């Protein structure tokens, strides 16, 4: 007999009855039923019930045992009586009569319950993550993550992609987030940077003559956490392809991402993936990450309110270049709902939210009274409303009006329970603007600085930068951005010009992107790529609201590893070796 087990805890069935068996695992639960003591023993695979009676010598060992102690049990497999069969577990028709038990490791008093789903709070869960990971839901999530990654790898290889590994220690470059820096002992005063993404390396792979690359790549960004973003580090499916257009990337990606969701969920998946231009997404949904399960579509009503009787909006349009977004409110035709929406808008920082209520064949409310029935009915028709519905309005500059309208759309969809369930709605967002204005009115890249502008060098030389579109695309699912990608700018003269428009001279490009710009001067193929986040994919598949639930050892919201105690102080001797001197932390003003 094996030293620790003849079977795992999910393996025994009625066919094994009367066999001598040995199990090893954790004490999941204990139940004292008078003369009998039941122990559920758990391992990675499942749970098996074991039993002893009060007369047995084993009872004295088992009775004081704490849950989560590790035990080795030897005994005979028995069939349970019909009335005691547990159909909730695969081993529920049998049990082990304990003949011998050995305590392999005793557990102290637990800081959190492993055999229950109660939330012990983030700090406790992350500090004792090894216990948290023993819980069934979290354990399954991590196994799901592994299976998803295996599936992705298989699907990528089947499409002719080759897996490569790119460097972790590299040079710092401005790519949108703060770098994590690593001091270089052999080069005092200099630092490596952990890669925010393998962006430059994967493009260099294409320049090197390889055709299709992929990697399950670790990425490091010093940025704040969100429910769908892990601080510090994350993993993405990084891929790049040579001699491709945007459509080729879509055709390669959709079977991989769509196939994984079909493999691991029972929810409906709409194919092919929808496509929306950036401008349409912002108009109809108020965001470039639209949740298409919500059927509500926003409309531009600026022309109706311009010069009309509702003076508040008319004056803002005339004097502030404001716009008006109309948000349909199905089944929202009541004063109480309208008042709640107004209060909600004020809580979002807006002055309020105008509305029109439609009922009994007429438009009601202060806005309708000022506009008149004719214009109110035009709004009703444009928004596709009927009696019993309401129209809500956001009037401000384009950015704020879009944002408020987008949030109102989501709120109405949730409040009225009109969003679809049990479905994944993917959407490509395309035709992103190449540039945008920052808060100071300066032109900057709106997205990836390595994207090829639509129209190439001619567009950069002759068009208004704010009207230039990029071969840039995002993939969104149920309101969650899974990935960004682009057809790359592979021509040195185009790259120099693109950065020049954003205020960066040739020297800056040569300094910060020296390897890539140099490579492009020796013959670079047209290429494009994509990089969906592994963590977000698993989060959606597992139907988890927080990304930490699908990561083995996540950091907390402050980017702290409570289990290992990182970040931590470094000994003066280590700093001296690196020629680094500590200074007092700067006080926040």
Protein backbone atom coordinates (compact mmCIF):
# COMPACT_ATOMS: atom_id res chain seq x y z
CA UNK A 1 0.00 0.00 0.00
CA UNK A 2 1.22 3.49 -0.88
CA UNK A 3 2.66 5.50 2.01
CA UNK A 4 0.03 8.24 1.73
CA UNK A 5 -2.87 7.18 -0.48
CA UNK A 6 -4.33 4.48 -2.64
CA UNK A 7 -6.96 6.84 -3.99
CA UNK A 8 -7.62 10.55 -4.00
CA UNK A 9 -10.65 11.97 -2.20
CA UNK A 10 -12.80 12.15 -5.34
CA UNK A 11 -12.09 8.68 -6.64
CA UNK A 12 -13.89 6.06 -4.54
CA UNK A 13 -17.17 4.60 -5.79
CA UNK A 14 -19.47 1.65 -5.05
CA UNK A 15 -17.25 -0.60 -7.19
CA UNK A 16 -14.53 -0.14 -4.56
CA UNK A 17 -16.70 -1.32 -1.62
CA UNK A 18 -14.91 -3.78 0.73
CA UNK A 19 -11.48 -2.64 -0.49
CA UNK A 20 -8.75 -1.60 1.91
CA UNK A 21 -8.08 2.06 1.11
CA UNK A 22 -5.86 4.87 2.29
CA UNK A 23 -6.59 8.57 1.95
CA UNK A 24 -4.59 11.68 2.85
CA UNK A 25 -5.92 15.18 3.06
CA UNK A 26 -7.27 17.99 5.18
CA UNK A 27 -10.02 17.61 7.78
CA UNK A 28 -12.74 19.59 6.05
CA UNK A 29 -15.52 19.11 8.57
CA UNK A 30 -16.31 17.02 11.67
CA UNK A 31 -19.76 15.89 12.80
CA UNK A 32 -20.49 14.11 16.09
CA UNK A 33 -23.66 11.99 15.83
CA UNK A 34 -23.74 10.46 19.26
CA UNK A 35 -21.90 7.18 19.03
CA UNK A 36 -20.48 7.96 15.61
CA UNK A 37 -17.97 10.63 14.55
CA UNK A 38 -17.87 11.61 10.89
CA UNK A 39 -14.91 13.29 9.22
CA UNK A 40 -14.99 14.80 5.74
CA UNK A 41 -11.48 14.52 4.33
CA UNK A 42 -10.59 16.88 1.48
CA UNK A 43 -7.75 17.03 -1.00
CA UNK A 44 -7.22 18.84 -4.29
CA UNK A 45 -9.64 16.49 -6.06
CA UNK A 46 -12.65 16.29 -3.75
CA UNK A 47 -14.14 15.07 -0.47
CA UNK A 48 -14.69 11.63 1.06
CA UNK A 49 -16.61 10.91 4.25
CA UNK A 50 -14.85 8.82 6.89
CA UNK A 51 -16.39 7.44 10.08
CA UNK A 52 -15.41 5.97 13.41
CA UNK A 53 -17.36 5.00 16.52
CA UNK A 54 -16.91 6.04 20.10
CA UNK A 55 -15.61 2.62 21.12
CA UNK A 56 -12.71 2.73 18.68
CA UNK A 57 -9.19 3.76 19.68
CA UNK A 58 -9.25 5.99 16.63
CA UNK A 59 -11.99 8.12 18.25
CA UNK A 60 -9.58 9.44 20.87
CA UNK A 61 -7.27 10.74 18.13
CA UNK A 62 -10.01 12.17 15.92
CA UNK A 63 -12.19 13.82 18.56
CA UNK A 64 -9.77 16.67 19.53
CA UNK A 65 -8.59 17.28 15.94
CA UNK A 66 -9.07 20.79 14.57
CA UNK A 67 -10.40 21.25 11.07
CA UNK A 68 -7.71 21.79 8.40
CA UNK A 69 -5.33 19.43 10.14
CA UNK A 70 -3.71 17.05 7.66
CA UNK A 71 -4.36 13.34 8.26
CA UNK A 72 -3.66 9.94 6.75
CA UNK A 73 -6.56 7.53 7.08
CA UNK A 74 -6.49 3.78 6.42
CA UNK A 75 -9.66 1.74 6.47
CA UNK A 76 -12.32 -0.27 4.66
CA UNK A 77 -14.68 1.25 2.11
CA UNK A 78 -18.36 0.71 2.95
CA UNK A 79 -21.57 1.42 1.07
CA UNK A 80 -23.79 4.00 2.71
CA UNK A 81 -27.39 3.18 3.49
CA UNK A 82 -29.86 4.62 1.00
CA UNK A 83 -31.12 7.27 3.41
CA UNK A 84 -27.57 8.60 4.08
CA UNK A 85 -26.37 8.91 0.48
CA UNK A 86 -25.09 12.40 -0.33
CA UNK A 87 -25.83 13.16 -3.98
CA UNK A 88 -24.01 16.51 -3.79
CA UNK A 89 -20.56 14.91 -4.03
CA UNK A 90 -19.28 12.17 -6.38
CA UNK A 91 -18.20 9.99 -3.44
CA UNK A 92 -21.53 10.39 -1.67
CA UNK A 93 -22.60 6.72 -1.93
CA UNK A 94 -19.64 5.38 0.07
CA UNK A 95 -17.66 6.07 3.22
CA UNK A 96 -14.43 4.87 4.80
CA UNK A 97 -14.57 2.98 8.12
CA UNK A 98 -11.43 4.23 9.84
CA UNK A 99 -9.06 1.55 11.14
CA UNK A 100 -5.96 3.70 11.47
CA UNK A 101 -5.36 7.46 11.49
CA UNK A 102 -2.11 9.40 11.53
CA UNK A 103 -1.89 13.13 12.05
CA UNK A 104 0.54 14.41 9.44
CA UNK A 105 0.21 18.07 10.44
CA UNK A 106 -1.89 19.77 13.10
CA UNK A 107 -3.72 23.04 12.41
CA UNK A 108 -3.90 25.99 14.77
CA UNK A 109 -7.07 27.96 15.34
CA UNK A 110 -8.13 29.28 11.91
CA UNK A 111 -8.26 33.02 11.16
CA UNK A 112 -10.90 32.34 8.48
CA UNK A 113 -13.34 29.57 7.66
CA UNK A 114 -12.23 27.28 4.85
CA UNK A 115 -15.39 25.16 4.76
CA UNK A 116 -17.71 28.14 4.37
CA UNK A 117 -18.09 30.92 1.81
CA UNK A 118 -18.36 33.76 4.32
CA UNK A 119 -16.17 36.73 3.40
CA UNK A 120 -13.58 37.37 6.10
CA UNK A 121 -12.52 40.68 4.56
CA UNK A 122 -9.74 41.49 2.11
CA UNK A 123 -6.97 41.91 4.68
CA UNK A 124 -7.54 38.55 6.36
CA UNK A 125 -8.07 36.72 3.07
CA UNK A 126 -4.89 38.05 1.49
CA UNK A 127 -2.75 37.72 4.62
CA UNK A 128 -3.75 34.05 4.84
CA UNK A 129 -4.16 33.49 1.11
CA UNK A 130 -2.99 29.86 1.36
CA UNK A 131 -6.08 29.19 3.49
CA UNK A 132 -8.33 31.25 1.22
CA UNK A 133 -7.14 29.18 -1.74
CA UNK A 134 -8.32 25.99 -0.04
CA UNK A 135 -11.92 27.21 -0.31
CA UNK A 136 -13.85 25.48 -3.03
CA UNK A 137 -14.82 28.53 -5.10
CA UNK A 138 -11.38 30.12 -5.14
CA UNK A 139 -9.70 26.75 -5.72
CA UNK A 140 -11.93 26.16 -8.75
CA UNK A 141 -11.21 29.66 -10.07
CA UNK A 142 -7.47 29.04 -10.03
CA UNK A 143 -7.90 25.68 -11.77
CA UNK A 144 -10.15 27.39 -14.30
CA UNK A 145 -7.43 29.96 -14.93
CA UNK A 146 -4.94 27.20 -15.64
CA UNK A 147 -7.34 25.46 -18.02
CA UNK A 148 -8.11 28.72 -19.84
CA UNK A 149 -4.40 29.39 -20.38
CA UNK A 150 -3.87 25.85 -21.66
CA UNK A 151 -6.79 26.29 -24.07
CA UNK A 152 -5.45 29.63 -25.30
CA UNK A 153 -2.01 28.13 -25.92
CA UNK A 154 -3.49 25.23 -27.89
CA UNK A 155 -5.66 27.51 -30.01
CA UNK A 156 -2.78 29.87 -30.77
CA UNK A 157 -0.43 27.06 -31.82
CA UNK A 158 -3.18 25.56 -33.99
CA UNK A 159 -3.35 28.90 -35.85
CA UNK A 160 0.34 28.89 -36.64
CA UNK A 161 1.56 31.15 -33.83
CA UNK A 162 4.92 30.42 -32.18
CA UNK A 163 5.47 31.06 -28.47
CA UNK A 164 8.52 33.14 -27.51
CA UNK A 165 9.64 34.66 -24.23
CA UNK A 166 10.70 38.30 -24.14
CA UNK A 167 12.99 39.95 -21.53
CA UNK A 168 11.79 40.97 -18.09
CA UNK A 169 14.68 43.32 -17.37
CA UNK A 170 14.61 46.02 -20.01
CA UNK A 171 14.88 49.78 -20.54
CA UNK A 172 12.42 52.34 -19.27
CA UNK A 173 10.20 53.87 -21.95
CA UNK A 174 7.15 56.15 -21.84
CA UNK A 175 4.23 53.76 -22.48
CA UNK A 176 1.40 55.28 -20.49
CA UNK A 177 1.98 54.08 -16.93
CA UNK A 178 4.74 54.34 -14.32
CA UNK A 179 7.56 51.85 -14.58
CA UNK A 180 8.81 49.59 -11.83
CA UNK A 181 12.56 50.23 -11.70
CA UNK A 182 15.33 47.78 -10.81
CA UNK A 183 18.76 49.15 -9.85
CA UNK A 184 21.65 47.77 -11.90
CA UNK A 185 24.47 46.81 -9.48
CA UNK A 186 27.06 46.53 -12.24
CA UNK A 187 26.13 49.94 -13.59
CA UNK A 188 25.82 52.36 -10.66
CA UNK A 189 23.20 55.06 -11.10
CA UNK A 190 21.44 53.16 -13.86
CA UNK A 191 18.23 51.15 -13.72
CA UNK A 192 16.39 48.43 -15.56
CA UNK A 193 12.64 48.66 -15.91
CA UNK A 194 10.14 45.84 -15.69
CA UNK A 195 8.14 45.78 -18.95
CA UNK A 196 4.72 47.42 -18.95
CA UNK A 197 4.11 45.13 -21.92
CA UNK A 198 6.39 43.35 -24.42
CA UNK A 199 5.37 46.01 -26.96
CA UNK A 200 8.74 46.87 -28.48
CA UNK A 201 10.11 43.34 -28.26
CA UNK A 202 7.17 41.78 -30.07
CA UNK A 203 7.48 44.32 -32.86
CA UNK A 204 11.19 43.56 -33.05
CA UNK A 205 10.32 39.87 -33.38
CA UNK A 206 8.39 40.75 -36.52
CA UNK A 207 11.31 42.81 -37.82
CA UNK A 208 13.50 39.76 -37.13
CA UNK A 209 11.59 37.78 -39.72
CA UNK A 210 9.26 35.65 -37.57
CA UNK A 211 5.68 35.62 -38.80
CA UNK A 212 3.31 34.97 -35.88
CA UNK A 213 4.34 35.40 -32.24
CA UNK A 214 2.47 34.90 -28.98
CA UNK A 215 3.25 34.79 -25.30
CA UNK A 216 1.39 34.55 -22.00
CA UNK A 217 3.26 37.62 -20.89
CA UNK A 218 3.73 39.10 -17.41
CA UNK A 219 3.32 42.88 -17.42
CA UNK A 220 4.26 45.33 -14.70
CA UNK A 221 2.68 48.74 -14.19
CA UNK A 222 2.86 50.99 -11.17
CA UNK A 223 -0.79 52.06 -11.25
CA UNK A 224 -3.81 52.09 -8.97
CA UNK A 225 -6.05 49.08 -8.56
CA UNK A 226 -9.65 48.67 -9.68
CA UNK A 227 -12.11 45.82 -9.47
CA UNK A 228 -11.04 44.73 -12.97
CA UNK A 229 -7.35 45.66 -12.66
CA UNK A 230 -4.70 44.14 -10.46
CA UNK A 231 -2.09 46.61 -9.18
CA UNK A 232 1.54 45.93 -9.93
CA UNK A 233 1.44 42.95 -12.26
CA UNK A 234 -0.89 41.11 -14.57
CA UNK A 235 -0.79 38.64 -17.45
CA UNK A 236 -1.91 39.08 -21.03
CA UNK A 237 -2.09 37.04 -24.20
CA UNK A 238 0.41 39.00 -26.24
CA UNK A 239 0.45 38.40 -30.00
CA UNK A 240 1.83 39.96 -33.15
CA UNK A 241 1.47 39.14 -36.86
CA UNK A 242 3.38 40.22 -39.96
CA UNK A 243 1.92 41.33 -43.28
CA UNK A 244 -1.58 41.83 -41.91
CA UNK A 245 -4.40 44.32 -41.98
CA UNK A 246 -6.83 45.02 -39.18
CA UNK A 247 -9.27 42.41 -40.48
CA UNK A 248 -6.60 39.69 -40.39
CA UNK A 249 -6.04 40.32 -36.68
CA UNK A 250 -9.78 40.12 -36.02
CA UNK A 251 -10.07 36.83 -37.90
CA UNK A 252 -7.20 35.37 -35.88
CA UNK A 253 -8.38 36.60 -32.49
CA UNK A 254 -12.13 35.88 -32.60
CA UNK A 255 -11.81 32.05 -32.78
CA UNK A 256 -9.36 32.09 -29.86
CA UNK A 257 -11.26 34.37 -27.49
CA UNK A 258 -14.70 33.22 -28.63
CA UNK A 259 -13.62 29.58 -28.50
CA UNK A 260 -12.36 29.88 -24.93
CA UNK A 261 -15.62 31.45 -23.75
CA UNK A 262 -17.63 28.74 -25.51
CA UNK A 263 -15.45 26.02 -24.00
CA UNK A 264 -15.70 27.17 -20.39
CA UNK A 265 -19.16 28.75 -20.11
CA UNK A 266 -22.73 27.81 -20.89
CA UNK A 267 -23.72 31.36 -21.77
CA UNK A 268 -24.72 32.41 -25.25
CA UNK A 269 -21.97 33.92 -27.37
CA UNK A 270 -22.93 36.15 -30.26
CA UNK A 271 -20.74 35.72 -33.36
CA UNK A 272 -19.24 37.34 -35.25
CA UNK A 273 -18.26 40.01 -32.78
CA UNK A 274 -20.03 43.34 -33.27
CA UNK A 275 -18.08 46.35 -34.52
CA UNK A 276 -18.51 49.97 -33.51
CA UNK A 277 -16.53 53.03 -34.40
CA UNK A 278 -15.19 54.99 -31.48
CA UNK A 279 -17.40 57.95 -32.38
CA UNK A 280 -20.55 55.80 -32.54
CA UNK A 281 -19.70 54.12 -29.24
CA UNK A 282 -19.35 57.49 -27.55
CA UNK A 283 -22.58 58.76 -29.13
CA UNK A 284 -24.84 55.76 -28.55
CA UNK A 285 -23.37 54.45 -25.29
CA UNK A 286 -21.39 57.31 -23.75
CA UNK A 287 -18.29 55.15 -23.38
CA UNK A 288 -15.73 53.30 -25.47
CA UNK A 289 -16.42 50.22 -23.30
CA UNK A 290 -20.14 49.67 -24.00
CA UNK A 291 -22.16 46.90 -22.39
CA UNK A 292 -24.31 45.78 -25.33
CA UNK A 293 -26.50 43.60 -23.13
CA UNK A 294 -28.29 46.86 -22.34
CA UNK A 295 -30.55 47.74 -25.34
CA UNK A 296 -30.75 51.49 -24.55
CA UNK A 297 -29.15 53.76 -27.15
CA UNK A 298 -28.38 57.41 -26.46
CA UNK A 299 -29.19 60.03 -29.11
CA UNK A 300 -27.87 63.49 -29.90
CA UNK A 301 -30.66 66.03 -29.35
CA UNK A 302 -28.59 69.21 -29.61
CA UNK A 303 -30.38 70.33 -32.79
CA UNK A 304 -33.80 70.10 -31.11
CA UNK A 305 -32.79 72.19 -28.10
CA UNK A 306 -30.67 74.71 -30.04
CA UNK A 307 -32.56 78.02 -30.01
CA UNK A 308 -35.65 76.35 -28.54
CA UNK A 309 -37.82 77.40 -25.63
CA UNK A 310 -35.98 75.55 -22.89
CA UNK A 311 -33.60 78.42 -22.17
CA UNK A 312 -31.24 76.61 -19.79
CA UNK A 313 -30.09 74.20 -22.52
CA UNK A 314 -30.40 76.75 -25.33
CA UNK A 315 -28.09 79.19 -23.56
CA UNK A 316 -25.51 76.49 -22.78
CA UNK A 317 -25.50 75.43 -26.42
CA UNK A 318 -25.10 79.02 -27.61
CA UNK A 319 -22.60 80.30 -25.08
CA UNK A 320 -20.69 77.19 -23.93
CA UNK A 321 -20.75 75.01 -27.08
CA UNK A 322 -22.63 72.47 -25.03
CA UNK A 323 -24.30 69.40 -26.50
CA UNK A 324 -27.45 67.55 -25.41
CA UNK A 325 -27.60 63.78 -25.09
CA UNK A 326 -30.99 62.11 -24.76
CA UNK A 327 -31.26 58.88 -22.79
CA UNK A 328 -34.38 56.72 -23.31
CA UNK A 329 -36.09 55.67 -20.10
CA UNK A 330 -38.28 52.61 -20.83
CA UNK A 331 -41.04 52.25 -18.22
CA UNK A 332 -39.66 55.31 -16.41
CA UNK A 333 -42.72 57.51 -16.97
CA UNK A 334 -43.35 58.53 -13.39
CA UNK A 335 -42.45 61.62 -11.36
CA UNK A 336 -40.85 59.53 -8.62
CA UNK A 337 -38.42 57.87 -11.06
CA UNK A 338 -37.66 61.23 -12.66
CA UNK A 339 -36.90 62.75 -9.27
CA UNK A 340 -34.62 59.82 -8.39
CA UNK A 341 -32.71 60.26 -11.64
CA UNK A 342 -32.31 63.96 -10.94
CA UNK A 343 -30.97 63.27 -7.45
CA UNK A 344 -28.69 60.58 -8.82
CA UNK A 345 -27.26 62.99 -11.42
CA UNK A 346 -26.54 65.53 -8.70
CA UNK A 347 -24.69 62.83 -6.80
CA UNK A 348 -22.56 62.32 -9.92
CA UNK A 349 -21.53 65.97 -9.83
CA UNK A 350 -24.02 67.30 -12.41
CA UNK A 351 -26.42 70.18 -11.82
CA UNK A 352 -29.27 67.74 -12.35
CA UNK A 353 -30.97 65.78 -15.10
CA UNK A 354 -33.79 67.16 -17.18
CA UNK A 355 -36.63 64.86 -18.21
CA UNK A 356 -39.87 64.54 -20.14
CA UNK A 357 -42.53 62.05 -19.09
CA UNK A 358 -44.76 60.61 -21.83
CA UNK A 359 -48.26 59.46 -20.95
CA UNK A 360 -51.87 59.75 -22.11
CA UNK A 361 -50.67 60.92 -25.52
CA UNK A 362 -48.84 63.99 -24.23
CA UNK A 363 -45.46 65.10 -22.95
CA UNK A 364 -45.26 66.24 -19.33
CA UNK A 365 -42.80 68.11 -17.16
CA UNK A 366 -41.00 71.50 -17.14
CA UNK A 367 -38.84 70.67 -20.18
CA UNK A 368 -41.87 69.65 -22.23
CA UNK A 369 -43.73 72.78 -21.13
CA UNK A 370 -40.88 74.98 -22.38
CA UNK A 371 -40.21 73.06 -25.60
CA UNK A 372 -43.82 72.54 -26.64
CA UNK A 373 -45.58 69.36 -27.72
CA UNK A 374 -44.20 69.34 -31.26
CA UNK A 375 -40.51 69.26 -30.27
CA UNK A 376 -41.29 66.96 -27.35
CA UNK A 377 -42.92 64.50 -29.74
CA UNK A 378 -39.88 64.76 -32.00
CA UNK A 379 -37.75 63.68 -29.02
CA UNK A 380 -40.18 60.84 -28.34
CA UNK A 381 -39.87 59.61 -31.91
CA UNK A 382 -36.09 59.98 -32.10
CA UNK A 383 -35.59 58.01 -28.88
CA UNK A 384 -38.14 55.34 -29.87
CA UNK A 385 -40.32 55.94 -26.81
CA UNK A 386 -44.00 55.35 -26.08
CA UNK A 387 -46.50 56.29 -23.41
CA UNK A 388 -45.26 55.16 -20.01
CA UNK A 389 -41.66 55.95 -20.90
CA UNK A 390 -39.50 58.97 -20.14
CA UNK A 391 -36.64 60.84 -21.78
CA UNK A 392 -33.69 62.08 -19.74
CA UNK A 393 -31.16 64.70 -20.80
CA UNK A 394 -27.51 65.48 -20.18
CA UNK A 395 -26.38 68.94 -21.31
CA UNK A 396 -22.75 69.97 -20.97
CA UNK A 397 -19.50 69.90 -22.93
CA UNK A 398 -19.12 66.78 -25.03
CA UNK A 399 -16.92 64.87 -22.58
CA UNK A 400 -19.10 65.44 -19.52
CA UNK A 401 -22.40 64.98 -21.38
CA UNK A 402 -21.22 61.66 -22.84
CA UNK A 403 -20.01 60.45 -19.46
CA UNK A 404 -23.22 61.35 -17.61
CA UNK A 405 -25.43 59.93 -20.37
CA UNK A 406 -23.43 56.71 -20.40
CA UNK A 407 -23.77 56.28 -16.64
CA UNK A 408 -27.50 57.11 -16.80
CA UNK A 409 -27.95 54.47 -19.51
CA UNK A 410 -26.39 51.83 -17.27
CA UNK A 411 -28.41 52.92 -14.25
CA UNK A 412 -31.73 52.82 -16.14
CA UNK A 413 -30.88 49.43 -17.62
CA UNK A 414 -30.10 48.02 -14.18
CA UNK A 415 -33.02 49.69 -12.38
CA UNK A 416 -35.55 48.55 -14.98
CA UNK A 417 -33.99 45.07 -15.36
CA UNK A 418 -33.92 45.30 -19.14
CA UNK A 419 -30.34 44.15 -19.72
CA UNK A 420 -29.93 40.67 -21.16
CA UNK A 421 -28.66 37.89 -18.91
CA UNK A 422 -26.59 34.78 -19.57
CA UNK A 423 -24.99 36.17 -22.71
CA UNK A 424 -21.55 37.47 -23.68
CA UNK A 425 -21.66 40.37 -26.10
CA UNK A 426 -18.29 41.13 -27.60
CA UNK A 427 -17.61 44.27 -29.56
CA UNK A 428 -14.66 45.62 -31.50
CA UNK A 429 -14.20 49.36 -31.04
CA UNK A 430 -12.43 50.69 -34.13
CA UNK A 431 -11.30 53.99 -35.69
CA UNK A 432 -9.94 55.54 -32.53
CA UNK A 433 -8.73 59.13 -32.87
CA UNK A 434 -4.96 59.27 -33.24
CA UNK A 435 -4.71 62.36 -31.03
CA UNK A 436 -6.68 64.23 -28.40
CA UNK A 437 -6.27 67.39 -26.35
CA UNK A 438 -5.10 67.15 -22.75
CA UNK A 439 -6.47 69.33 -19.96
CA UNK A 440 -4.12 72.15 -20.99
CA UNK A 441 -5.13 72.06 -24.66
CA UNK A 442 -1.95 70.28 -25.78
CA UNK A 443 -2.13 67.59 -28.47
CA UNK A 444 -1.24 64.13 -27.19
CA UNK A 445 -1.66 60.54 -28.29
CA UNK A 446 -5.15 59.34 -27.44
CA UNK A 447 -4.15 55.70 -27.25
CA UNK A 448 -1.12 53.70 -28.39
CA UNK A 449 1.70 55.91 -29.78
CA UNK A 450 2.89 53.01 -31.95
CA UNK A 451 -0.33 52.81 -33.99
CA UNK A 452 -0.29 53.50 -37.71
CA UNK A 453 -2.35 56.59 -38.61
CA UNK A 454 -5.04 56.00 -41.21
CA UNK A 455 -3.74 57.76 -44.30
CA UNK A 456 -0.11 57.40 -43.22
CA UNK A 457 2.39 60.22 -43.63
CA UNK A 458 0.10 62.15 -45.97
CA UNK A 459 -2.57 62.41 -43.29
CA UNK A 460 -0.03 63.53 -40.68
CA UNK A 461 1.29 66.23 -43.01
CA UNK A 462 -1.99 67.58 -44.32
CA UNK A 463 -4.91 66.85 -41.98
CA UNK A 464 -6.09 68.35 -38.70
CA UNK A 465 -4.43 66.03 -36.12
CA UNK A 466 -7.65 65.83 -34.12
CA UNK A 467 -9.45 64.41 -37.16
CA UNK A 468 -6.90 61.70 -37.92
CA UNK A 469 -8.00 58.16 -37.10
CA UNK A 470 -5.61 55.38 -36.10
CA UNK A 471 -5.57 51.71 -37.01
CA UNK A 472 -6.29 51.12 -33.34
CA UNK A 473 -8.87 48.75 -31.88
CA UNK A 474 -10.17 47.53 -28.53
CA UNK A 475 -12.11 44.39 -27.70
CA UNK A 476 -14.89 44.87 -25.16
CA UNK A 477 -17.12 42.25 -23.53
CA UNK A 478 -20.15 43.13 -21.40
CA UNK A 479 -18.73 46.55 -20.61
CA UNK A 480 -15.25 45.27 -19.73
CA UNK A 481 -12.28 46.18 -21.89
CA UNK A 482 -10.42 42.93 -22.56
CA UNK A 483 -7.73 44.25 -24.81
CA UNK A 484 -6.21 46.90 -27.00
CA UNK A 485 -4.38 46.37 -30.25
CA UNK A 486 -3.28 48.12 -33.41
CA UNK A 487 -1.74 47.91 -36.82
CA UNK A 488 1.70 49.26 -36.00
CA UNK A 489 3.58 52.24 -37.29
CA UNK A 490 6.56 50.48 -38.91
CA UNK A 491 7.97 53.36 -40.99
CA UNK A 492 10.60 55.63 -39.36
CA UNK A 493 9.50 58.76 -41.18
CA UNK A 494 5.88 58.21 -40.12
CA UNK A 495 6.88 57.54 -36.53
CA UNK A 496 9.01 60.66 -36.32
CA UNK A 497 6.17 62.78 -37.70
CA UNK A 498 3.58 61.19 -35.41
CA UNK A 499 5.66 61.96 -32.33
CA UNK A 500 6.49 65.45 -33.62
CA UNK A 501 2.77 66.34 -33.70
CA UNK A 502 2.51 65.21 -30.07
CA UNK A 503 5.41 67.50 -29.13
CA UNK A 504 8.31 65.04 -29.16
CA UNK A 505 11.39 65.64 -31.30
CA UNK A 506 13.44 63.08 -33.21
CA UNK A 507 16.05 62.95 -30.48
CA UNK A 508 13.43 61.86 -27.96
CA UNK A 509 12.27 59.03 -30.26
CA UNK A 510 15.85 57.94 -30.95
CA UNK A 511 16.64 57.96 -27.22
CA UNK A 512 13.55 56.30 -25.79
CA UNK A 513 12.81 53.84 -28.59
CA UNK A 514 16.33 53.38 -29.90
CA UNK A 515 16.14 49.65 -30.52
CA UNK A 516 12.85 49.76 -32.37
CA UNK A 517 13.43 52.88 -34.49
CA UNK A 518 16.87 51.58 -35.46
CA UNK A 519 15.41 48.23 -36.50
CA UNK A 520 12.76 49.91 -38.64
CA UNK A 521 15.54 51.48 -40.72
CA UNK A 522 16.66 48.03 -41.88
CA UNK A 523 13.42 46.85 -43.41
CA UNK A 524 10.33 46.32 -41.25
CA UNK A 525 7.25 44.39 -42.41
CA UNK A 526 3.77 45.83 -41.94
CA UNK A 527 2.56 44.21 -38.73
CA UNK A 528 -0.15 44.36 -36.10
CA UNK A 529 -1.10 42.79 -32.85
CA UNK A 530 -3.28 42.48 -29.86
CA UNK A 531 -3.02 41.76 -26.12
CA UNK A 532 -6.14 40.64 -24.18
CA UNK A 533 -5.82 40.39 -20.42
CA UNK A 534 -5.79 36.84 -19.07
CA UNK A 535 -7.01 37.92 -15.63
CA UNK A 536 -10.03 39.76 -17.06
CA UNK A 537 -10.93 36.86 -19.35
CA UNK A 538 -10.96 34.44 -16.41
CA UNK A 539 -12.85 36.94 -14.25
CA UNK A 540 -15.65 37.13 -16.83
CA UNK A 541 -15.76 33.38 -17.38
CA UNK A 542 -15.85 32.71 -13.63
CA UNK A 543 -18.50 35.44 -13.20
CA UNK A 544 -16.46 37.08 -10.47
CA UNK A 545 -16.89 40.80 -9.66
CA UNK A 546 -13.28 41.31 -8.57
CA UNK A 547 -10.12 40.31 -10.38
CA UNK A 548 -8.40 39.20 -7.15
CA UNK A 549 -10.71 36.16 -7.09
CA UNK A 550 -8.94 34.61 -10.08
CA UNK A 551 -5.32 35.40 -9.16
CA UNK A 552 -3.26 33.07 -6.98
CA UNK A 553 -1.55 35.65 -4.80
CA UNK A 554 -2.97 39.10 -5.54
CA UNK A 555 -1.97 42.35 -3.93
CA UNK A 556 -4.45 44.50 -2.07
CA UNK A 557 -5.78 47.82 -3.31
CA UNK A 558 -2.68 49.59 -1.98
CA UNK A 559 -0.37 47.34 -4.03
CA UNK A 560 0.76 45.48 -0.90
CA UNK A 561 1.46 41.77 -0.66
CA UNK A 562 0.13 41.10 2.83
CA UNK A 563 1.26 37.48 2.77
CA UNK A 564 4.93 38.04 1.92
CA UNK A 565 5.17 41.54 3.34
CA UNK A 566 6.02 43.37 0.14
CA UNK A 567 7.03 46.06 -0.45
CA UNK A 568 9.54 45.88 2.36
CA UNK A 569 12.46 47.82 3.74
CA UNK A 570 15.85 46.96 2.28
CA UNK A 571 18.94 46.59 4.46
CA UNK A 572 21.45 49.42 4.31
CA UNK A 573 24.13 46.93 3.20
CA UNK A 574 22.12 46.05 0.11
CA UNK A 575 21.50 49.70 -0.73
CA UNK A 576 25.20 50.48 -0.28
CA UNK A 577 26.11 47.71 -2.69
CA UNK A 578 23.75 49.29 -5.23
CA UNK A 579 25.11 52.77 -4.47
CA UNK A 580 21.65 53.95 -3.47
CA UNK A 581 21.04 56.34 -0.60
CA UNK A 582 17.77 56.61 1.31
CA UNK A 583 16.07 59.97 1.67
CA UNK A 584 13.19 60.89 3.89
CA UNK A 585 9.80 60.39 2.22
CA UNK A 586 8.34 63.55 0.76
CA UNK A 587 5.31 64.86 2.60
CA UNK A 588 2.12 65.02 0.56
CA UNK A 589 0.79 68.56 0.31
